Amino acid sequence: MDVSFNFDWTAAIAAVPHLLPGIPWTLLISFGGLAIGFIIGIIFGLMRISRLRGLRWMAVVYIEVFRGTPILVQVLFIFYGLPQLLGGPINALTAGIAAVAINSGAYISEIVRGGVQSIAQGQREAALSLGLSRRQTFRHVIWPQALRRMVPPLGNQAIISIKDTSLFSVIGVGELVRQGQIYIATTFTAMEVYFMVAILYLAITWTLSILLAQLERKGLAGE
């Protein structure tokens, strides 16, 4: 059987201008959702280590549900399911941001929990012995150190969330994959277009990885 493989670089390069409009949507959904997810993660991460059992269990349920279900199912539920409960439609952009927020928030909760618990108990005791309140100890001693340790895993989560946006083409969000699908429908150059989509995603995530590496070299992350 004769199988030919022809990759048209001209078609691939020609696709780029048609894909570029998807980058702002990808970044908006990713970083908009991550900003909200970071707030959610702080709240539920601290609830996870709370002395109150009720708060701990609420955090556990949230974390396990949203880490244990695919983000694709979550965005489909938000986009198609919630409107039936709310009695009104939810636009695709809002659904995408919400999905990234609740999904990343579950993972960030565990990052926050791990970061806070990684600080030695002796530092807490020393701060309290100096007359600081528990709130002051957390704010001035524990949290700054924990936040530095959280930067690398938070960066990894950001990269994951950026790649997750590729799934949101199913609800019509105009991100990179969706722009590629629209272009393929008129040119029938699927291999070349999806190759360039992959390259653009790689460029975004690689740039973010370089920025994170620079933070670590400057001593702003880790110990």
Protein backbone atom coordinates (compact mmCIF):
# COMPACT_ATOMS: atom_id res chain seq x y z
CA MET A 1 0.00 0.00 0.00
CA ASP A 2 1.40 3.36 -1.04
CA VAL A 3 0.98 5.97 1.68
CA SER A 4 2.14 9.49 0.87
CA PHE A 5 2.84 12.18 3.43
CA ASN A 6 2.79 15.73 2.18
CA PHE A 7 3.11 18.65 4.54
CA ASP A 8 2.46 22.01 2.94
CA TRP A 9 4.54 24.61 4.75
CA THR A 10 3.01 27.38 2.67
CA ALA A 11 -0.46 26.43 3.91
CA ALA A 12 0.81 26.19 7.48
CA ILE A 13 2.34 29.68 7.39
CA ALA A 14 -0.74 31.07 5.64
CA ALA A 15 -2.90 29.81 8.52
CA VAL A 16 -1.08 31.83 11.17
CA PRO A 17 -2.84 35.19 10.60
CA HIS A 18 -6.18 33.39 10.89
CA LEU A 19 -5.14 31.73 14.16
CA LEU A 20 -3.71 34.79 15.89
CA PRO A 21 -7.14 36.25 16.84
CA GLY A 22 -7.59 33.20 19.06
CA ILE A 23 -4.60 34.06 21.26
CA PRO A 24 -6.26 36.95 23.16
CA TRP A 25 -9.27 34.74 23.87
CA THR A 26 -7.02 31.93 25.06
CA LEU A 27 -5.11 34.26 27.38
CA LEU A 28 -8.27 35.99 28.63
CA ILE A 29 -9.95 32.72 29.55
CA SER A 30 -6.77 31.28 31.05
CA PHE A 31 -5.60 34.18 33.18
CA GLY A 32 -9.09 35.48 33.96
CA GLY A 33 -10.02 32.04 35.27
CA LEU A 34 -6.70 31.64 37.08
CA ALA A 35 -7.08 34.99 38.85
CA ILE A 36 -10.47 33.91 40.20
CA GLY A 37 -9.16 30.40 40.82
CA PHE A 38 -6.30 31.80 42.92
CA ILE A 39 -8.79 33.55 45.20
CA ILE A 40 -10.89 30.39 45.41
CA GLY A 41 -7.74 28.37 46.07
CA ILE A 42 -6.67 30.59 48.97
CA ILE A 43 -10.11 30.38 50.56
CA PHE A 44 -10.52 26.63 50.25
CA GLY A 45 -6.84 25.92 50.91
CA LEU A 46 -7.08 27.68 54.26
CA MET A 47 -10.42 26.00 54.95
CA ARG A 48 -8.68 22.67 54.28
CA ILE A 49 -6.33 23.26 57.23
CA SER A 50 -8.88 24.98 59.45
CA ARG A 51 -9.46 23.78 63.00
CA LEU A 52 -13.18 23.66 62.25
CA ARG A 53 -14.19 20.24 60.97
CA GLY A 54 -17.14 21.62 58.99
CA LEU A 55 -14.91 23.95 57.00
CA ARG A 56 -12.40 21.17 56.38
CA TRP A 57 -15.09 18.87 55.00
CA MET A 58 -16.53 21.59 52.76
CA ALA A 59 -13.06 22.12 51.32
CA VAL A 60 -12.47 18.39 50.86
CA VAL A 61 -15.75 17.96 48.98
CA TYR A 62 -15.02 20.89 46.66
CA ILE A 63 -11.44 19.78 45.99
CA GLU A 64 -12.27 16.14 45.35
CA VAL A 65 -15.28 16.88 43.12
CA PHE A 66 -13.51 19.33 40.84
CA ARG A 67 -10.18 17.50 40.76
CA GLY A 68 -11.97 14.22 40.15
CA THR A 69 -14.06 15.31 37.15
CA PRO A 70 -12.79 16.40 33.71
CA ILE A 71 -12.77 20.11 32.98
CA LEU A 72 -14.56 19.35 29.69
CA VAL A 73 -17.53 17.94 31.63
CA GLN A 74 -17.43 20.94 33.94
CA VAL A 75 -17.56 23.50 31.12
CA LEU A 76 -20.34 21.58 29.36
CA PHE A 77 -22.35 21.54 32.58
CA ILE A 78 -21.82 25.27 33.10
CA PHE A 79 -22.69 26.15 29.49
CA TYR A 80 -25.60 23.76 28.90
CA GLY A 81 -26.74 22.69 32.35
CA LEU A 82 -26.68 25.84 34.47
CA PRO A 83 -28.91 27.86 32.09
CA GLN A 84 -31.70 25.37 32.82
CA LEU A 85 -31.30 26.02 36.53
CA LEU A 86 -30.84 29.79 36.20
CA GLY A 87 -33.49 30.32 33.56
CA GLY A 88 -31.18 32.18 31.22
CA PRO A 89 -28.25 31.56 28.88
CA ILE A 90 -24.58 31.79 29.84
CA ASN A 91 -22.24 33.05 27.13
CA ALA A 92 -19.32 30.90 26.10
CA LEU A 93 -16.64 33.26 27.40
CA THR A 94 -18.19 33.37 30.87
CA ALA A 95 -18.55 29.59 30.89
CA GLY A 96 -14.90 29.13 29.90
CA ILE A 97 -13.59 31.50 32.56
CA ALA A 98 -15.84 29.91 35.20
CA ALA A 99 -14.64 26.42 34.28
CA VAL A 100 -10.98 27.40 34.54
CA ALA A 101 -11.69 29.19 37.83
CA ILE A 102 -13.41 26.33 39.62
CA ASN A 103 -11.10 23.67 38.17
CA SER A 104 -7.83 25.49 38.84
CA GLY A 105 -9.18 26.63 42.22
CA ALA A 106 -9.40 23.01 43.35
CA TYR A 107 -5.77 22.35 42.45
CA ILE A 108 -4.59 25.69 43.81
CA SER A 109 -6.31 24.86 47.12
CA GLU A 110 -3.96 21.94 47.54
CA ILE A 111 -0.99 24.07 46.50
CA VAL A 112 -1.94 26.63 49.16
CA ARG A 113 -2.42 23.95 51.78
CA GLY A 114 0.93 22.38 51.00
CA GLY A 115 2.72 25.74 50.95
CA VAL A 116 1.36 26.85 54.30
CA GLN A 117 1.96 23.49 55.97
CA SER A 118 5.53 23.39 54.65
CA ILE A 119 6.55 26.23 56.97
CA ALA A 120 8.15 24.85 60.11
CA GLN A 121 6.03 24.90 63.25
CA GLY A 122 8.94 26.47 65.09
CA GLN A 123 8.52 29.68 63.10
CA ARG A 124 4.91 29.95 64.21
CA GLU A 125 5.87 29.36 67.80
CA ALA A 126 8.70 31.90 67.63
CA ALA A 127 6.42 34.57 66.19
CA LEU A 128 3.77 33.92 68.84
CA SER A 129 6.38 34.06 71.58
CA LEU A 130 7.40 37.52 70.34
CA GLY A 131 3.88 38.76 70.94
CA LEU A 132 2.41 38.50 67.45
CA SER A 133 -1.19 37.41 67.18
CA ARG A 134 -2.09 34.34 65.12
CA ARG A 135 -3.34 36.59 62.33
CA GLN A 136 -0.17 38.68 62.39
CA THR A 137 1.96 35.54 62.44
CA PHE A 138 0.20 34.21 59.38
CA ARG A 139 0.29 37.50 57.52
CA HIS A 140 3.89 38.53 58.22
CA VAL A 141 5.71 35.23 58.81
CA ILE A 142 3.91 32.25 57.31
CA TRP A 143 2.22 33.59 54.17
CA PRO A 144 5.20 35.40 52.57
CA GLN A 145 7.36 32.28 52.83
CA ALA A 146 4.55 29.97 51.71
CA LEU A 147 3.79 32.16 48.71
CA ARG A 148 7.39 31.96 47.49
CA ARG A 149 7.25 28.19 47.70
CA MET A 150 3.96 28.13 45.83
CA VAL A 151 5.23 30.00 42.76
CA PRO A 152 6.60 26.94 40.85
CA PRO A 153 3.48 24.76 41.27
CA LEU A 154 1.24 27.76 40.55
CA GLY A 155 3.18 28.26 37.32
CA ASN A 156 2.66 24.63 36.41
CA GLN A 157 -1.06 25.01 37.05
CA ALA A 158 -1.14 28.09 34.83
CA ILE A 159 0.41 26.09 31.98
CA ILE A 160 -2.13 23.30 32.46
CA SER A 161 -5.02 25.76 32.44
CA ILE A 162 -3.76 27.40 29.25
CA LYS A 163 -3.71 24.02 27.53
CA ASP A 164 -7.15 23.15 28.92
CA THR A 165 -8.67 26.05 26.97
CA SER A 166 -8.18 23.97 23.83
CA LEU A 167 -11.19 21.92 24.96
CA PHE A 168 -13.50 24.92 25.00
CA SER A 169 -13.97 24.92 21.25
CA VAL A 170 -16.89 22.57 21.97
CA ILE A 171 -18.90 25.51 23.31
CA GLY A 172 -17.85 27.89 20.53
CA VAL A 173 -15.27 30.01 22.35
CA GLY A 174 -13.07 31.69 19.75
CA GLU A 175 -9.78 30.45 21.16
CA LEU A 176 -6.94 28.93 19.14
CA VAL A 177 -8.49 25.54 18.40
CA ARG A 178 -11.82 27.08 17.43
CA GLN A 179 -10.11 29.52 15.08
CA GLY A 180 -8.28 26.58 13.57
CA GLN A 181 -11.51 24.64 13.06
CA ILE A 182 -13.11 27.60 11.31
CA TYR A 183 -10.12 27.99 8.98
CA ILE A 184 -9.95 24.25 8.24
CA ALA A 185 -13.61 24.29 7.18
CA THR A 186 -12.71 26.51 4.23
CA THR A 187 -9.19 25.28 3.36
CA PHE A 188 -9.24 21.56 4.27
CA THR A 189 -5.65 21.79 5.52
CA ALA A 190 -6.20 20.12 8.89
CA MET A 191 -2.68 18.78 9.41
CA GLU A 192 -0.98 22.09 8.70
CA VAL A 193 -3.45 24.16 10.73
CA TYR A 194 -3.38 21.95 13.82
CA PHE A 195 0.39 21.86 13.61
CA MET A 196 0.48 25.66 13.80
CA VAL A 197 -2.09 25.63 16.62
CA ALA A 198 0.27 23.35 18.56
CA ILE A 199 3.22 25.66 17.82
CA LEU A 200 1.30 28.70 19.10
CA TYR A 201 0.30 26.89 22.30
CA LEU A 202 3.93 25.85 22.74
CA ALA A 203 5.08 29.46 22.27
CA ILE A 204 2.68 30.66 24.99
CA THR A 205 3.55 27.97 27.52
CA TRP A 206 7.29 28.14 26.77
CA THR A 207 7.27 31.91 27.32
CA LEU A 208 5.54 31.40 30.66
CA SER A 209 8.04 28.70 31.61
CA ILE A 210 10.94 31.07 30.87
CA LEU A 211 9.38 33.80 33.03
CA LEU A 212 8.95 31.34 35.90
CA ALA A 213 12.54 30.16 35.54
CA GLN A 214 13.72 33.77 35.78
CA LEU A 215 11.72 34.23 38.96
CA GLU A 216 13.41 31.19 40.48
CA ARG A 217 16.86 32.38 39.45
CA LYS A 218 16.22 35.72 41.09
CA GLY A 219 15.29 33.99 44.30
CA LEU A 220 11.66 35.00 44.18
CA ALA A 221 10.52 31.39 44.19
CA GLY A 222 11.46 28.52 46.42
CA GLU A 223 13.89 28.75 49.27
